[in-house]
Amino acid sequence: MRFLAISTAILTTAAALTSTLPAQAAISCDTSTSGGSTFYDGPSASYKYDARFSNSASIPNLTTHTPQGAGTWYNWDGSGKNLILIAAYREGADSQIYGIDPSTGSTVGVVAIAESHVGGITVSKGWAFVAGQGSSIRKYRLTELRDALKAAGTPYLAQVGTARDVAGSSFIGSYGDSLFSGTFNETGRGTMYEYKIADDGTLTTLAGAWEVPTKTQGLTVTANHFIYSTSYGRGNRSNLYVVKRGQKDLDAAALSCFRAPSMTEGITEYNGTAYLVYESGSYLYASDPATLNVIPRMHKATISSLTSLVP
């Protein structure tokens, strides 16, 4: 979950700017449910969600850390095996990266990294990029992360260089040599920028912000679509947005939105399947009766079942 602190001066300026802008059209999200039982705890989120998603691997260390970002690492150990990476935080302690084998559901390793909310993690061009403190992105060499995941216990891995300050790093996704990173906004739409990734992990900002849905927590990118996970509040259902790439103005873009269980976080694509992470199963929320859906594992759906909503 994100917490925003905004000064009175900024609020006053924002209000003045808003008064000069055209009103944004409300985006309708499908909330219809079948009314039947679900494969997860709590009430059904929507028929579209229940028809597409199913249970996947359990998330480790929920008694100590809260999962946030999700990414995919192909051929992580050089033998053709692949990993789903999950980043998790604990206030006042090291954050962690989990490597989960999607073919078996087993956790192959856990690595400690410097504390941050770790709202996003993604892999590209020999680097793992992880959301750092504030609005920044840290980078880690995949060779070093691989060795740490294979080591016993929970070894600590230091970032390479200094964190790259960006416009927002509440969520991170990538496609090819492009990294996408943006802001969480509880009360309105956020913004996202595209960054080109150099061989040394340097990020170069491309001009022009993308508009993203309110309360965006996670992102996965395909050749033709952005898929956003949005949520806020343990008692509120989440939303999943499938948006056709091409239009940076969300009102001009072709999109589909439907409800998901409460407290969605990162989402990633692996081999044609979307893997969605929830924070509701963590020790912070699982025992709270106000948590609408307590989900201690990833959920999965075929990418085609999502992108077909916006052909």
C-alpha atoms as a PDB file:
ATOM      1  CA  MET A   1       0.000   0.000   0.000  1.00  0.00           C
ATOM      2  CA  ARG A   2       1.209   3.539  -0.741  1.00  0.00           C
ATOM      3  CA  PHE A   3       1.161   6.542   1.511  1.00  0.00           C
ATOM      4  CA  LEU A   4       1.317  10.060   0.017  1.00  0.00           C
ATOM      5  CA  ALA A   5       2.404  13.179   1.864  1.00  0.00           C
ATOM      6  CA  ILE A   6       1.645  16.365  -0.077  1.00  0.00           C
ATOM      7  CA  SER A   7       2.250  19.895   1.188  1.00  0.00           C
ATOM      8  CA  THR A   8      -0.492  22.510   1.318  1.00  0.00           C
ATOM      9  CA  ALA A   9       1.379  24.565  -1.257  1.00  0.00           C
ATOM     10  CA  ILE A  10       1.457  21.681  -3.728  1.00  0.00           C
ATOM     11  CA  LEU A  11      -2.217  20.946  -3.158  1.00  0.00           C
ATOM     12  CA  THR A  12      -3.092  24.593  -3.817  1.00  0.00           C
ATOM     13  CA  THR A  13      -1.060  24.610  -7.031  1.00  0.00           C
ATOM     14  CA  ALA A  14      -2.582  21.305  -8.151  1.00  0.00           C
ATOM     15  CA  ALA A  15      -6.091  22.606  -7.533  1.00  0.00           C
ATOM     16  CA  ALA A  16      -5.384  25.690  -9.619  1.00  0.00           C
ATOM     17  CA  LEU A  17      -4.029  23.587 -12.477  1.00  0.00           C
ATOM     18  CA  THR A  18      -6.937  21.158 -12.291  1.00  0.00           C
ATOM     19  CA  SER A  19      -9.454  23.959 -12.675  1.00  0.00           C
ATOM     20  CA  THR A  20      -7.993  24.765 -16.112  1.00  0.00           C
ATOM     21  CA  LEU A  21      -8.025  21.175 -17.389  1.00  0.00           C
ATOM     22  CA  PRO A  22     -10.961  19.335 -18.970  1.00  0.00           C
ATOM     23  CA  ALA A  23     -12.674  16.831 -16.687  1.00  0.00           C
ATOM     24  CA  GLN A  24     -11.592  13.233 -17.132  1.00  0.00           C
ATOM     25  CA  ALA A  25     -14.277  10.751 -18.082  1.00  0.00           C
ATOM     26  CA  ALA A  26     -14.898   8.037 -15.513  1.00  0.00           C
ATOM     27  CA  ILE A  27     -13.699   4.614 -16.608  1.00  0.00           C
ATOM     28  CA  SER A  28     -16.301   1.899 -16.101  1.00  0.00           C
ATOM     29  CA  CYS A  29     -15.096  -1.389 -14.598  1.00  0.00           C
ATOM     30  CA  ASP A  30     -17.045  -4.638 -14.884  1.00  0.00           C
ATOM     31  CA  THR A  31     -18.245  -5.672 -11.403  1.00  0.00           C
ATOM     32  CA  SER A  32     -20.668  -8.451 -12.323  1.00  0.00           C
ATOM     33  CA  THR A  33     -20.227 -11.646 -10.280  1.00  0.00           C
ATOM     34  CA  SER A  34     -21.581 -15.147 -10.636  1.00  0.00           C
ATOM     35  CA  GLY A  35     -22.539 -15.240  -6.969  1.00  0.00           C
ATOM     36  CA  GLY A  36     -20.990 -18.682  -6.572  1.00  0.00           C
ATOM     37  CA  SER A  37     -18.007 -19.971  -4.624  1.00  0.00           C
ATOM     38  CA  THR A  38     -14.492 -18.849  -5.497  1.00  0.00           C
ATOM     39  CA  PHE A  39     -11.066 -20.519  -5.616  1.00  0.00           C
ATOM     40  CA  TYR A  40      -9.775 -17.885  -3.150  1.00  0.00           C
ATOM     41  CA  ASP A  41     -10.743 -16.569   0.274  1.00  0.00           C
ATOM     42  CA  GLY A  42     -13.582 -14.086   0.585  1.00  0.00           C
ATOM     43  CA  PRO A  43     -16.272 -12.899  -1.807  1.00  0.00           C
ATOM     44  CA  SER A  44     -16.044 -13.061  -5.571  1.00  0.00           C
ATOM     45  CA  ALA A  45     -14.449 -10.032  -7.199  1.00  0.00           C
ATOM     46  CA  SER A  46     -16.011 -10.387 -10.640  1.00  0.00           C
ATOM     47  CA  TYR A  47     -17.113 -13.039 -13.074  1.00  0.00           C
ATOM     48  CA  LYS A  48     -14.382 -11.976 -15.529  1.00  0.00           C
ATOM     49  CA  TYR A  49     -11.701 -12.476 -12.882  1.00  0.00           C
ATOM     50  CA  ASP A  50     -13.012 -15.812 -11.626  1.00  0.00           C
ATOM     51  CA  ALA A  51     -13.339 -17.157 -15.177  1.00  0.00           C
ATOM     52  CA  ARG A  52      -9.751 -16.267 -16.101  1.00  0.00           C
ATOM     53  CA  PHE A  53      -7.582 -16.708 -13.019  1.00  0.00           C
ATOM     54  CA  SER A  54      -6.636 -19.714 -10.894  1.00  0.00           C
ATOM     55  CA  ASN A  55      -4.283 -20.501  -8.013  1.00  0.00           C
ATOM     56  CA  SER A  56      -0.530 -20.609  -8.520  1.00  0.00           C
ATOM     57  CA  ALA A  57       2.558 -20.888  -6.289  1.00  0.00           C
ATOM     58  CA  SER A  58       2.568 -19.922  -2.621  1.00  0.00           C
ATOM     59  CA  ILE A  59       4.555 -16.825  -1.657  1.00  0.00           C
ATOM     60  CA  PRO A  60       7.242 -17.408   1.006  1.00  0.00           C
ATOM     61  CA  ASN A  61       8.021 -15.432   4.178  1.00  0.00           C
ATOM     62  CA  LEU A  62       4.552 -13.942   4.603  1.00  0.00           C
ATOM     63  CA  THR A  63       5.033 -14.022   8.381  1.00  0.00           C
ATOM     64  CA  THR A  64       7.879 -11.507   8.103  1.00  0.00           C
ATOM     65  CA  HIS A  65       7.570  -9.601   4.802  1.00  0.00           C
ATOM     66  CA  THR A  66       4.896  -8.124   2.547  1.00  0.00           C
ATOM     67  CA  PRO A  67       5.120  -8.908  -1.210  1.00  0.00           C
ATOM     68  CA  GLN A  68       4.989  -6.063  -3.716  1.00  0.00           C
ATOM     69  CA  GLY A  69       6.732  -6.182  -7.100  1.00  0.00           C
ATOM     70  CA  ALA A  70       6.830  -9.110  -9.554  1.00  0.00           C
ATOM     71  CA  GLY A  71       9.091  -9.806 -12.532  1.00  0.00           C
ATOM     72  CA  THR A  72      10.260 -12.630 -14.803  1.00  0.00           C
ATOM     73  CA  TRP A  73      13.780 -13.943 -15.343  1.00  0.00           C
ATOM     74  CA  TYR A  74      14.230 -16.291 -18.289  1.00  0.00           C
ATOM     75  CA  ASN A  75      17.083 -18.834 -18.281  1.00  0.00           C
ATOM     76  CA  TRP A  76      18.227 -17.578 -14.905  1.00  0.00           C
ATOM     77  CA  ASP A  77      20.879 -20.234 -14.263  1.00  0.00           C
ATOM     78  CA  GLY A  78      22.010 -20.937 -17.833  1.00  0.00           C
ATOM     79  CA  SER A  79      20.255 -24.315 -17.999  1.00  0.00           C
ATOM     80  CA  GLY A  80      17.004 -23.105 -19.528  1.00  0.00           C
ATOM     81  CA  LYS A  81      15.148 -22.786 -16.225  1.00  0.00           C
ATOM     82  CA  ASN A  82      13.129 -19.681 -15.461  1.00  0.00           C
ATOM     83  CA  LEU A  83      12.073 -17.719 -12.380  1.00  0.00           C
ATOM     84  CA  ILE A  84       9.302 -15.487 -11.173  1.00  0.00           C
ATOM     85  CA  LEU A  85      10.919 -12.822  -8.981  1.00  0.00           C
ATOM     86  CA  ILE A  86       8.949 -11.285  -6.123  1.00  0.00           C
ATOM     87  CA  ALA A  87      10.194  -8.311  -4.100  1.00  0.00           C
ATOM     88  CA  ALA A  88       8.917  -7.926  -0.522  1.00  0.00           C
ATOM     89  CA  TYR A  89       9.435  -5.371   2.245  1.00  0.00           C
ATOM     90  CA  ARG A  90       9.400  -5.072   6.025  1.00  0.00           C
ATOM     91  CA  GLU A  91       9.571  -1.649   7.626  1.00  0.00           C
ATOM     92  CA  GLY A  92      12.850  -1.159   9.466  1.00  0.00           C
ATOM     93  CA  ALA A  93      14.476  -4.271   7.970  1.00  0.00           C
ATOM     94  CA  ASP A  94      16.102  -5.473   4.758  1.00  0.00           C
ATOM     95  CA  SER A  95      13.800  -6.076   1.837  1.00  0.00           C
ATOM     96  CA  GLN A  96      13.896  -9.449   0.104  1.00  0.00           C
ATOM     97  CA  ILE A  97      13.828 -10.934  -3.388  1.00  0.00           C
ATOM     98  CA  TYR A  98      12.325 -14.414  -3.852  1.00  0.00           C
ATOM     99  CA  GLY A  99      13.029 -16.627  -6.830  1.00  0.00           C
ATOM    100  CA  ILE A 100      10.102 -18.967  -7.578  1.00  0.00           C
ATOM    101  CA  ASP A 101      10.237 -21.704 -10.221  1.00  0.00           C
ATOM    102  CA  PRO A 102       6.957 -21.360 -12.176  1.00  0.00           C
ATOM    103  CA  SER A 103       7.118 -24.979 -13.355  1.00  0.00           C
ATOM    104  CA  THR A 104       7.162 -26.416  -9.811  1.00  0.00           C
ATOM    105  CA  GLY A 105       6.012 -23.576  -7.571  1.00  0.00           C
ATOM    106  CA  SER A 106       9.062 -24.058  -5.366  1.00  0.00           C
ATOM    107  CA  THR A 107      11.134 -21.211  -3.943  1.00  0.00           C
ATOM    108  CA  VAL A 108      14.707 -21.686  -5.172  1.00  0.00           C
ATOM    109  CA  GLY A 109      16.284 -18.887  -3.155  1.00  0.00           C
ATOM    110  CA  VAL A 110      15.838 -15.762  -1.044  1.00  0.00           C
ATOM    111  CA  VAL A 111      18.121 -12.708  -1.184  1.00  0.00           C
ATOM    112  CA  ALA A 112      18.197  -9.685   1.141  1.00  0.00           C
ATOM    113  CA  ILE A 113      18.613  -6.174  -0.285  1.00  0.00           C
ATOM    114  CA  ALA A 114      18.597  -2.700   1.227  1.00  0.00           C
ATOM    115  CA  GLU A 115      15.302  -1.575   2.731  1.00  0.00           C
ATOM    116  CA  SER A 116      12.694   0.060   0.523  1.00  0.00           C
ATOM    117  CA  HIS A 117       9.040  -0.498  -0.356  1.00  0.00           C
ATOM    118  CA  VAL A 118      10.186  -2.442  -3.491  1.00  0.00           C
ATOM    119  CA  GLY A 119       6.995  -1.718  -5.408  1.00  0.00           C
ATOM    120  CA  GLY A 120       8.440  -3.041  -8.658  1.00  0.00           C
ATOM    121  CA  ILE A 121      11.056  -5.423 -10.009  1.00  0.00           C
ATOM    122  CA  THR A 122      11.950  -6.296 -13.598  1.00  0.00           C
ATOM    123  CA  VAL A 123      14.786  -7.931 -15.555  1.00  0.00           C
ATOM    124  CA  SER A 124      16.416  -6.760 -18.794  1.00  0.00           C
ATOM    125  CA  LYS A 125      19.829  -6.720 -20.496  1.00  0.00           C
ATOM    126  CA  GLY A 126      21.711  -8.431 -17.699  1.00  0.00           C
ATOM    127  CA  TRP A 127      20.227  -6.369 -14.884  1.00  0.00           C
ATOM    128  CA  ALA A 128      17.514  -6.608 -12.266  1.00  0.00           C
ATOM    129  CA  PHE A 129      15.883  -3.238 -11.640  1.00  0.00           C
ATOM    130  CA  VAL A 130      14.141  -2.751  -8.275  1.00  0.00           C
ATOM    131  CA  ALA A 131      12.196   0.209  -6.881  1.00  0.00           C
ATOM    132  CA  GLY A 132      14.344   1.968  -4.284  1.00  0.00           C
ATOM    133  CA  GLN A 133      13.740   4.600  -1.647  1.00  0.00           C
ATOM    134  CA  GLY A 134      11.522   7.497  -2.666  1.00  0.00           C
ATOM    135  CA  SER A 135      11.190   7.739  -6.444  1.00  0.00           C
ATOM    136  CA  SER A 136      14.294   5.825  -7.455  1.00  0.00           C
ATOM    137  CA  ILE A 137      15.346   2.626  -9.192  1.00  0.00           C
ATOM    138  CA  ARG A 138      18.242   0.434  -8.083  1.00  0.00           C
ATOM    139  CA  LYS A 139      20.088  -2.010 -10.331  1.00  0.00           C
ATOM    140  CA  TYR A 140      21.644  -5.391  -9.560  1.00  0.00           C
ATOM    141  CA  ARG A 141      23.839  -7.542 -11.800  1.00  0.00           C
ATOM    142  CA  LEU A 142      22.034 -10.731 -12.732  1.00  0.00           C
ATOM    143  CA  THR A 143      25.237 -12.739 -12.350  1.00  0.00           C
ATOM    144  CA  GLU A 144      25.506 -11.597  -8.737  1.00  0.00           C
ATOM    145  CA  LEU A 145      21.795 -12.120  -8.072  1.00  0.00           C
ATOM    146  CA  ARG A 146      22.042 -15.637  -9.521  1.00  0.00           C
ATOM    147  CA  ASP A 147      24.918 -16.523  -7.193  1.00  0.00           C
ATOM    148  CA  ALA A 148      23.071 -15.083  -4.206  1.00  0.00           C
ATOM    149  CA  LEU A 149      19.893 -17.048  -4.982  1.00  0.00           C
ATOM    150  CA  LYS A 150      21.934 -20.243  -5.149  1.00  0.00           C
ATOM    151  CA  ALA A 151      23.685 -19.580  -1.834  1.00  0.00           C
ATOM    152  CA  ALA A 152      22.458 -20.981   1.484  1.00  0.00           C
ATOM    153  CA  GLY A 153      20.409 -18.834   3.835  1.00  0.00           C
ATOM    154  CA  THR A 154      19.481 -15.268   2.932  1.00  0.00           C
ATOM    155  CA  PRO A 155      22.638 -13.570   1.651  1.00  0.00           C
ATOM    156  CA  TYR A 156      22.741  -9.794   1.293  1.00  0.00           C
ATOM    157  CA  LEU A 157      23.186  -8.330  -2.193  1.00  0.00           C
ATOM    158  CA  ALA A 158      24.354  -4.736  -2.676  1.00  0.00           C
ATOM    159  CA  GLN A 159      23.128  -2.597  -5.552  1.00  0.00           C
ATOM    160  CA  VAL A 160      25.511  -1.482  -8.287  1.00  0.00           C
ATOM    161  CA  GLY A 161      26.300   2.231  -8.180  1.00  0.00           C
ATOM    162  CA  THR A 162      23.769   4.728  -6.913  1.00  0.00           C
ATOM    163  CA  ALA A 163      20.011   4.574  -7.389  1.00  0.00           C
ATOM    164  CA  ARG A 164      18.601   6.397 -10.414  1.00  0.00           C
ATOM    165  CA  ASP A 165      16.086   9.083  -9.454  1.00  0.00           C
ATOM    166  CA  VAL A 166      13.013   8.950 -11.694  1.00  0.00           C
ATOM    167  CA  ALA A 167       9.626  10.638 -11.883  1.00  0.00           C
ATOM    168  CA  GLY A 168       8.020   7.713 -10.050  1.00  0.00           C
ATOM    169  CA  SER A 169       8.866   4.119  -9.131  1.00  0.00           C
ATOM    170  CA  SER A 170       5.718   2.854  -7.435  1.00  0.00           C
ATOM    171  CA  PHE A 171       5.593   0.138 -10.114  1.00  0.00           C
ATOM    172  CA  ILE A 172       8.047  -1.108 -12.757  1.00  0.00           C
ATOM    173  CA  GLY A 173       7.715  -3.206 -15.905  1.00  0.00           C
ATOM    174  CA  SER A 174       9.799  -3.773 -19.010  1.00  0.00           C
ATOM    175  CA  TYR A 175       9.589  -4.986 -22.588  1.00  0.00           C
ATOM    176  CA  GLY A 176      12.739  -5.541 -24.620  1.00  0.00           C
ATOM    177  CA  ASP A 177      15.168  -2.726 -23.854  1.00  0.00           C
ATOM    178  CA  SER A 178      12.449  -0.416 -22.515  1.00  0.00           C
ATOM    179  CA  LEU A 179      11.686   0.014 -18.830  1.00  0.00           C
ATOM    180  CA  PHE A 180       8.383   1.575 -17.744  1.00  0.00           C
ATOM    181  CA  SER A 181       8.043   3.139 -14.307  1.00  0.00           C
ATOM    182  CA  GLY A 182       5.348   5.318 -12.792  1.00  0.00           C
ATOM    183  CA  THR A 183       3.514   6.858  -9.870  1.00  0.00           C
ATOM    184  CA  PHE A 184       0.774   5.600  -7.583  1.00  0.00           C
ATOM    185  CA  ASN A 185      -1.997   8.181  -7.138  1.00  0.00           C
ATOM    186  CA  GLU A 186      -4.786   7.424  -4.668  1.00  0.00           C
ATOM    187  CA  THR A 187      -7.146  10.181  -5.825  1.00  0.00           C
ATOM    188  CA  GLY A 188      -6.477  10.551  -9.546  1.00  0.00           C
ATOM    189  CA  ARG A 189      -4.575   9.156 -12.470  1.00  0.00           C
ATOM    190  CA  GLY A 190      -0.833   8.701 -12.259  1.00  0.00           C
ATOM    191  CA  THR A 191       1.927   9.088 -14.804  1.00  0.00           C
ATOM    192  CA  MET A 192       4.436   6.674 -16.286  1.00  0.00           C
ATOM    193  CA  TYR A 193       7.633   7.219 -18.267  1.00  0.00           C
ATOM    194  CA  GLU A 194       9.551   4.965 -20.619  1.00  0.00           C
ATOM    195  CA  TYR A 195      13.319   4.596 -20.190  1.00  0.00           C
ATOM    196  CA  LYS A 196      15.757   3.009 -22.635  1.00  0.00           C
ATOM    197  CA  ILE A 197      18.120   0.519 -20.981  1.00  0.00           C
ATOM    198  CA  ALA A 198      21.794   0.615 -21.949  1.00  0.00           C
ATOM    199  CA  ASP A 199      24.117  -2.375 -21.646  1.00  0.00           C
ATOM    200  CA  ASP A 200      25.563  -0.936 -18.429  1.00  0.00           C
ATOM    201  CA  GLY A 201      22.083  -0.521 -16.911  1.00  0.00           C
ATOM    202  CA  THR A 202      21.910   3.228 -17.500  1.00  0.00           C
ATOM    203  CA  LEU A 203      18.355   4.486 -18.004  1.00  0.00           C
ATOM    204  CA  THR A 204      17.624   7.231 -20.551  1.00  0.00           C
ATOM    205  CA  THR A 205      14.251   8.960 -20.245  1.00  0.00           C
ATOM    206  CA  LEU A 206      12.067   9.191 -23.345  1.00  0.00           C
ATOM    207  CA  ALA A 207       9.919  12.267 -23.741  1.00  0.00           C
ATOM    208  CA  GLY A 208       6.234  12.258 -22.925  1.00  0.00           C
ATOM    209  CA  ALA A 209       4.398  10.747 -19.972  1.00  0.00           C
ATOM    210  CA  TRP A 210       1.848   7.956 -20.220  1.00  0.00           C
ATOM    211  CA  GLU A 211      -1.334   8.399 -18.189  1.00  0.00           C
ATOM    212  CA  VAL A 212      -2.043   5.399 -15.933  1.00  0.00           C
ATOM    213  CA  PRO A 213      -5.111   4.379 -13.910  1.00  0.00           C
ATOM    214  CA  THR A 214      -5.803   5.623 -10.408  1.00  0.00           C
ATOM    215  CA  LYS A 215      -4.121   3.537  -7.677  1.00  0.00           C
ATOM    216  CA  THR A 216      -1.777   1.645 -10.008  1.00  0.00           C
ATOM    217  CA  GLN A 217       0.280  -0.904  -8.047  1.00  0.00           C
ATOM    218  CA  GLY A 218       1.660  -3.193 -10.751  1.00  0.00           C
ATOM    219  CA  LEU A 219       2.338  -3.408 -14.476  1.00  0.00           C
ATOM    220  CA  THR A 220       3.208  -5.995 -17.078  1.00  0.00           C
ATOM    221  CA  VAL A 221       3.943  -5.051 -20.677  1.00  0.00           C
ATOM    222  CA  THR A 222       3.287  -7.063 -23.830  1.00  0.00           C
ATOM    223  CA  ALA A 223       3.978  -6.194 -27.455  1.00  0.00           C
ATOM    224  CA  ASN A 224       0.612  -4.495 -27.804  1.00  0.00           C
ATOM    225  CA  HIS A 225      -0.800  -3.990 -24.297  1.00  0.00           C
ATOM    226  CA  PHE A 226      -0.214  -2.612 -20.830  1.00  0.00           C
ATOM    227  CA  ILE A 227      -1.856  -4.624 -18.047  1.00  0.00           C
ATOM    228  CA  TYR A 228      -2.222  -2.650 -14.820  1.00  0.00           C
ATOM    229  CA  SER A 229      -3.000  -3.923 -11.334  1.00  0.00           C
ATOM    230  CA  THR A 230      -4.682  -1.232  -9.211  1.00  0.00           C
ATOM    231  CA  SER A 231      -5.728  -1.324  -5.560  1.00  0.00           C
ATOM    232  CA  TYR A 232      -5.873   0.580  -2.284  1.00  0.00           C
ATOM    233  CA  GLY A 233      -7.339  -0.484   1.059  1.00  0.00           C
ATOM    234  CA  ARG A 234      -7.758  -3.907   2.610  1.00  0.00           C
ATOM    235  CA  GLY A 235     -11.544  -3.734   2.426  1.00  0.00           C
ATOM    236  CA  ASN A 236     -11.780  -2.622  -1.203  1.00  0.00           C
ATOM    237  CA  ARG A 237     -11.766  -4.746  -4.326  1.00  0.00           C
ATOM    238  CA  SER A 238      -8.969  -4.167  -6.830  1.00  0.00           C
ATOM    239  CA  ASN A 239      -9.200  -3.468 -10.555  1.00  0.00           C
ATOM    240  CA  LEU A 240      -7.280  -4.899 -13.495  1.00  0.00           C
ATOM    241  CA  TYR A 241      -6.936  -2.735 -16.609  1.00  0.00           C
ATOM    242  CA  VAL A 242      -5.979  -4.058 -20.033  1.00  0.00           C
ATOM    243  CA  VAL A 243      -4.945  -1.078 -22.176  1.00  0.00           C
ATOM    244  CA  LYS A 244      -3.997  -1.117 -25.859  1.00  0.00           C
ATOM    245  CA  ARG A 245      -0.601   0.517 -26.297  1.00  0.00           C
ATOM    246  CA  GLY A 246      -0.287   3.542 -28.561  1.00  0.00           C
ATOM    247  CA  GLN A 247      -2.287   6.297 -26.884  1.00  0.00           C
ATOM    248  CA  LYS A 248      -0.632   8.048 -23.933  1.00  0.00           C
ATOM    249  CA  ASP A 249      -3.948   9.685 -23.005  1.00  0.00           C
ATOM    250  CA  LEU A 250      -5.928   7.038 -21.121  1.00  0.00           C
ATOM    251  CA  ASP A 251      -9.265   8.466 -22.294  1.00  0.00           C
ATOM    252  CA  ALA A 252      -8.178   8.026 -25.923  1.00  0.00           C
ATOM    253  CA  ALA A 253      -6.865   4.484 -25.438  1.00  0.00           C
ATOM    254  CA  ALA A 254      -8.836   1.297 -26.059  1.00  0.00           C
ATOM    255  CA  LEU A 255      -9.134  -0.494 -22.726  1.00  0.00           C
ATOM    256  CA  SER A 256     -11.075  -2.921 -20.558  1.00  0.00           C
ATOM    257  CA  CYS A 257     -11.377  -2.921 -16.769  1.00  0.00           C
ATOM    258  CA  PHE A 258     -12.725  -5.526 -14.367  1.00  0.00           C
ATOM    259  CA  ARG A 259     -12.694  -6.153 -10.629  1.00  0.00           C
ATOM    260  CA  ALA A 260     -10.138  -8.353  -8.842  1.00  0.00           C
ATOM    261  CA  PRO A 261      -9.857  -9.439  -5.187  1.00  0.00           C
ATOM    262  CA  SER A 262      -8.561  -6.899  -2.678  1.00  0.00           C
ATOM    263  CA  MET A 263      -4.915  -5.799  -2.404  1.00  0.00           C
ATOM    264  CA  THR A 264      -3.377  -6.728  -5.750  1.00  0.00           C
ATOM    265  CA  GLU A 265       0.252  -5.721  -6.236  1.00  0.00           C
ATOM    266  CA  GLY A 266       2.786  -6.705  -8.914  1.00  0.00           C
ATOM    267  CA  ILE A 267       1.911  -8.553 -12.098  1.00  0.00           C
ATOM    268  CA  THR A 268       4.293 -10.182 -14.566  1.00  0.00           C
ATOM    269  CA  GLU A 269       4.149 -12.265 -17.743  1.00  0.00           C
ATOM    270  CA  TYR A 270       5.951 -15.565 -18.184  1.00  0.00           C
ATOM    271  CA  ASN A 271       5.599 -17.772 -21.269  1.00  0.00           C
ATOM    272  CA  GLY A 272       2.097 -16.543 -22.104  1.00  0.00           C
ATOM    273  CA  THR A 273       0.833 -16.556 -18.522  1.00  0.00           C
ATOM    274  CA  ALA A 274       0.213 -13.590 -16.234  1.00  0.00           C
ATOM    275  CA  TYR A 275       1.207 -14.037 -12.576  1.00  0.00           C
ATOM    276  CA  LEU A 276      -0.469 -11.685 -10.108  1.00  0.00           C
ATOM    277  CA  VAL A 277       0.804 -10.997  -6.575  1.00  0.00           C
ATOM    278  CA  TYR A 278      -1.267 -10.059  -3.530  1.00  0.00           C
ATOM    279  CA  GLU A 279      -0.094  -8.411  -0.302  1.00  0.00           C
ATOM    280  CA  SER A 280      -3.202  -9.481   1.626  1.00  0.00           C
ATOM    281  CA  GLY A 281      -1.632 -12.761   2.772  1.00  0.00           C
ATOM    282  CA  SER A 282       1.147 -11.022   4.694  1.00  0.00           C
ATOM    283  CA  TYR A 283       1.300 -10.818   8.492  1.00  0.00           C
ATOM    284  CA  LEU A 284       0.195  -7.165   8.267  1.00  0.00           C
ATOM    285  CA  TYR A 285      -3.244  -8.027   6.878  1.00  0.00           C
ATOM    286  CA  ALA A 286      -4.049 -11.751   7.015  1.00  0.00           C
ATOM    287  CA  SER A 287      -5.475 -11.731  10.555  1.00  0.00           C
ATOM    288  CA  ASP A 288      -7.399  -8.482  10.125  1.00  0.00           C
ATOM    289  CA  PRO A 289     -11.147  -9.150   9.677  1.00  0.00           C
ATOM    290  CA  ALA A 290     -11.317  -6.002   7.547  1.00  0.00           C
ATOM    291  CA  THR A 291      -9.198  -7.663   4.841  1.00  0.00           C
ATOM    292  CA  LEU A 292     -11.730  -8.626   2.199  1.00  0.00           C
ATOM    293  CA  ASN A 293      -9.704 -11.384   0.487  1.00  0.00           C
ATOM    294  CA  VAL A 294      -6.730 -13.034   2.201  1.00  0.00           C
ATOM    295  CA  ILE A 295      -4.621 -14.504  -0.613  1.00  0.00           C
ATOM    296  CA  PRO A 296      -1.263 -16.106   0.282  1.00  0.00           C
ATOM    297  CA  ARG A 297      -0.317 -17.245  -3.220  1.00  0.00           C
ATOM    298  CA  MET A 298       0.004 -15.895  -6.723  1.00  0.00           C
ATOM    299  CA  HIS A 299      -2.907 -16.151  -9.121  1.00  0.00           C
ATOM    300  CA  LYS A 300      -2.373 -16.869 -12.805  1.00  0.00           C
ATOM    301  CA  ALA A 301      -4.252 -16.393 -16.093  1.00  0.00           C
ATOM    302  CA  THR A 302      -3.344 -16.767 -19.738  1.00  0.00           C
ATOM    303  CA  ILE A 303      -2.222 -13.502 -21.268  1.00  0.00           C
ATOM    304  CA  SER A 304      -4.464 -14.154 -24.270  1.00  0.00           C
ATOM    305  CA  SER A 305      -7.553 -14.319 -22.025  1.00  0.00           C
ATOM    306  CA  LEU A 306      -6.722 -10.787 -20.883  1.00  0.00           C
ATOM    307  CA  THR A 307      -5.503  -9.154 -24.073  1.00  0.00           C
ATOM    308  CA  SER A 308      -8.459 -10.595 -26.032  1.00  0.00           C
ATOM    309  CA  LEU A 309     -10.622  -8.156 -24.062  1.00  0.00           C
ATOM    310  CA  VAL A 310      -9.010  -5.355 -26.101  1.00  0.00           C
ATOM    311  CA  PRO A 311      -8.040  -6.880 -29.459  1.00  0.00           C
END
